[in-house]
C-alpha atoms as a PDB file:
ATOM      1  CA  MET A   1      91.814 105.496 106.104  1.00  0.00           C
ATOM      2  CA  LYS A   2      91.956 109.007 107.076  1.00  0.00           C
ATOM      3  CA  VAL A   3      93.241 111.870 104.703  1.00  0.00           C
ATOM      4  CA  SER A   4      96.878 111.848 106.807  1.00  0.00           C
ATOM      5  CA  GLN A   5      97.580 108.348 106.035  1.00  0.00           C
ATOM      6  CA  LEU A   6      96.748 108.805 102.408  1.00  0.00           C
ATOM      7  CA  ALA A   7      99.047 112.013 102.102  1.00  0.00           C
ATOM      8  CA  GLU A   8     101.940 110.123 103.710  1.00  0.00           C
ATOM      9  CA  GLN A   9     100.901 107.004 101.525  1.00  0.00           C
ATOM     10  CA  THR A  10     101.002 109.002  98.114  1.00  0.00           C
ATOM     11  CA  GLY A  11     103.539 112.021  98.364  1.00  0.00           C
ATOM     12  CA  LEU A  12     100.428 114.544  98.713  1.00  0.00           C
ATOM     13  CA  ASN A  13     101.092 118.072  99.160  1.00  0.00           C
ATOM     14  CA  ALA A  14      99.089 119.728 101.862  1.00  0.00           C
ATOM     15  CA  LEU A  15      98.267 123.277 100.973  1.00  0.00           C
ATOM     16  CA  ASN A  16      96.485 123.853 103.567  1.00  0.00           C
ATOM     17  CA  GLN A  17      95.493 122.337 107.995  1.00  0.00           C
ATOM     18  CA  CYS A  18      92.051 121.178 108.414  1.00  0.00           C
ATOM     19  CA  LYS A  19      90.694 118.211 110.368  1.00  0.00           C
ATOM     20  CA  ASP A  20      92.256 115.033 109.645  1.00  0.00           C
ATOM     21  CA  ARG A  21      88.890 113.417 108.055  1.00  0.00           C
ATOM     22  CA  VAL A  22      88.259 109.370 107.422  1.00  0.00           C
ATOM     23  CA  ILE A  23      87.648 108.832 103.872  1.00  0.00           C
ATOM     24  CA  GLU A  24      84.879 106.271 102.657  1.00  0.00           C
ATOM     25  CA  GLY A  25      84.974 106.903  98.946  1.00  0.00           C
ATOM     26  CA  ALA A  26      86.653 108.658  96.219  1.00  0.00           C
ATOM     27  CA  TYR A  27      84.759 111.010  93.267  1.00  0.00           C
ATOM     28  CA  ILE A  28      86.625 112.646  90.030  1.00  0.00           C
ATOM     29  CA  SER A  29      85.182 115.268  88.269  1.00  0.00           C
ATOM     30  CA  ASP A  30      86.129 118.576  86.542  1.00  0.00           C
ATOM     31  CA  MET A  31      82.644 119.459  86.171  1.00  0.00           C
ATOM     32  CA  VAL A  32      80.841 121.512  89.582  1.00  0.00           C
ATOM     33  CA  SER A  33      77.443 120.239  88.833  1.00  0.00           C
ATOM     34  CA  ASP A  34      78.607 116.646  88.794  1.00  0.00           C
ATOM     35  CA  VAL A  35      80.696 117.199  92.148  1.00  0.00           C
ATOM     36  CA  ILE A  36      76.977 118.244  93.613  1.00  0.00           C
ATOM     37  CA  THR A  37      75.504 114.980  91.807  1.00  0.00           C
ATOM     38  CA  GLY A  38      77.503 112.792  91.782  1.00  0.00           C
ATOM     39  CA  ALA A  39      79.964 112.925  95.171  1.00  0.00           C
ATOM     40  CA  LYS A  40      79.060 112.201  98.427  1.00  0.00           C
ATOM     41  CA  ALA A  41      79.999 112.970 101.840  1.00  0.00           C
ATOM     42  CA  ASN A  42      83.656 111.883 103.383  1.00  0.00           C
ATOM     43  CA  HIS A  43      84.787 111.308  99.619  1.00  0.00           C
ATOM     44  CA  LEU A  44      87.951 112.405  98.346  1.00  0.00           C
ATOM     45  CA  LEU A  45      87.504 114.992  95.478  1.00  0.00           C
ATOM     46  CA  VAL A  46      90.228 114.673  92.692  1.00  0.00           C
ATOM     47  CA  THR A  47      90.424 117.216  89.930  1.00  0.00           C
ATOM     48  CA  LEU A  48      91.780 119.375  88.134  1.00  0.00           C
ATOM     49  CA  GLN A  49      89.595 122.371  88.654  1.00  0.00           C
ATOM     50  CA  THR A  50      90.854 125.229  90.941  1.00  0.00           C
ATOM     51  CA  HIS A  51      88.126 127.934  91.325  1.00  0.00           C
ATOM     52  CA  LYS A  52      85.947 128.805  94.267  1.00  0.00           C
ATOM     53  CA  SER A  53      82.790 127.177  92.595  1.00  0.00           C
ATOM     54  CA  LEU A  54      84.812 124.256  93.241  1.00  0.00           C
ATOM     55  CA  ILE A  55      84.997 125.026  96.772  1.00  0.00           C
ATOM     56  CA  ALA A  56      81.673 125.864  97.059  1.00  0.00           C
ATOM     57  CA  ALA A  57      80.018 122.346  95.495  1.00  0.00           C
ATOM     58  CA  ALA A  58      82.705 120.086  97.600  1.00  0.00           C
ATOM     59  CA  ASN A  59      81.338 121.921 101.044  1.00  0.00           C
ATOM     60  CA  LEU A  60      77.621 121.409  99.813  1.00  0.00           C
ATOM     61  CA  VAL A  61      77.967 117.791  99.421  1.00  0.00           C
ATOM     62  CA  ASP A  62      80.811 117.805 102.833  1.00  0.00           C
ATOM     63  CA  VAL A  63      83.741 116.346 101.013  1.00  0.00           C
ATOM     64  CA  ALA A  64      86.435 114.624 102.816  1.00  0.00           C
ATOM     65  CA  ALA A  65      88.891 116.717 100.932  1.00  0.00           C
ATOM     66  CA  ILE A  66      90.527 117.886  97.645  1.00  0.00           C
ATOM     67  CA  VAL A  67      93.432 116.606  95.824  1.00  0.00           C
ATOM     68  CA  PHE A  68      94.411 118.717  92.921  1.00  0.00           C
ATOM     69  CA  THR A  69      96.347 116.971  90.000  1.00  0.00           C
ATOM     70  CA  ARG A  70      98.969 118.012  87.615  1.00  0.00           C
ATOM     71  CA  GLY A  71     100.131 120.211  89.766  1.00  0.00           C
ATOM     72  CA  LYS A  72      97.414 122.772  89.763  1.00  0.00           C
ATOM     73  CA  LYS A  73      97.088 124.686  92.875  1.00  0.00           C
ATOM     74  CA  PRO A  74      94.857 126.767  93.660  1.00  0.00           C
ATOM     75  CA  ALA A  75      94.469 130.832  94.545  1.00  0.00           C
ATOM     76  CA  ALA A  76      94.925 132.526  97.901  1.00  0.00           C
ATOM     77  CA  ASP A  77      91.502 133.318  98.165  1.00  0.00           C
ATOM     78  CA  VAL A  78      90.131 129.678  97.234  1.00  0.00           C
ATOM     79  CA  VAL A  79      92.537 128.102 100.108  1.00  0.00           C
ATOM     80  CA  GLU A  80      91.457 130.372 102.682  1.00  0.00           C
ATOM     81  CA  LEU A  81      87.299 129.604 101.841  1.00  0.00           C
ATOM     82  CA  ALA A  82      88.717 126.433 101.628  1.00  0.00           C
ATOM     83  CA  THR A  83      90.143 126.749 105.233  1.00  0.00           C
ATOM     84  CA  LYS A  84      86.987 128.259 106.416  1.00  0.00           C
ATOM     85  CA  ALA A  85      84.592 125.597 105.250  1.00  0.00           C
ATOM     86  CA  GLY A  86      87.004 123.110 106.961  1.00  0.00           C
ATOM     87  CA  ILE A  87      87.686 121.297 103.481  1.00  0.00           C
ATOM     88  CA  ALA A  88      91.357 120.042 103.385  1.00  0.00           C
ATOM     89  CA  LEU A  89      93.270 120.773 100.307  1.00  0.00           C
ATOM     90  CA  PHE A  90      96.471 118.965  98.650  1.00  0.00           C
ATOM     91  CA  GLY A  91      98.281 118.872  95.569  1.00  0.00           C
ATOM     92  CA  THR A  92     100.056 116.152  93.304  1.00  0.00           C
ATOM     93  CA  ASP A  93     102.127 116.451  90.526  1.00  0.00           C
ATOM     94  CA  LYS A  94     100.713 113.189  89.165  1.00  0.00           C
ATOM     95  CA  ASP A  95      97.784 112.913  86.355  1.00  0.00           C
ATOM     96  CA  THR A  96      94.243 112.366  87.790  1.00  0.00           C
ATOM     97  CA  TRP A  97      94.657 108.445  86.181  1.00  0.00           C
ATOM     98  CA  SER A  98      97.679 108.026  87.863  1.00  0.00           C
ATOM     99  CA  PHE A  99      96.386 109.073  90.860  1.00  0.00           C
ATOM    100  CA  ALA A 100      93.182 107.398  90.807  1.00  0.00           C
ATOM    101  CA  LEU A 101      95.122 103.917  90.503  1.00  0.00           C
ATOM    102  CA  LYS A 102      97.566 104.584  93.392  1.00  0.00           C
ATOM    103  CA  MET A 103      93.950 104.933  95.269  1.00  0.00           C
ATOM    104  CA  GLY A 104      92.927 101.841  93.748  1.00  0.00           C
ATOM    105  CA  GLU A 105      95.530 100.199  95.314  1.00  0.00           C
ATOM    106  CA  LEU A 106      95.356 101.118  98.597  1.00  0.00           C
ATOM    107  CA  GLY A 107      91.677 100.384  98.525  1.00  0.00           C
ATOM    108  CA  ILE A 108      90.381 103.614  98.092  1.00  0.00           C
ATOM    109  CA  LYS A 109      87.194 103.650  95.851  1.00  0.00           C
END
């Protein structure tokens, strides 16, 4: 499934414009060190964290996109950094658990 398809099917709000990539899985974490050691390339990263360090970690592992849950929104400088790195950012008002369940229903694990 492509990131744009997930966004459409789950009502995600795009926070920037980036390349539409294929999602090969998902990783959920709020710890940067955990993202670096556990996330994989082309996975969707789901988190509450909105700081620059998260973008650096996501870029290091080459995630397909990042989804911020519970209405969290990164500052403009974080969005700019993600855009330069080619990382699509999305937001949802759903809590992380609810969003994870929806991803599972759509076949993203």
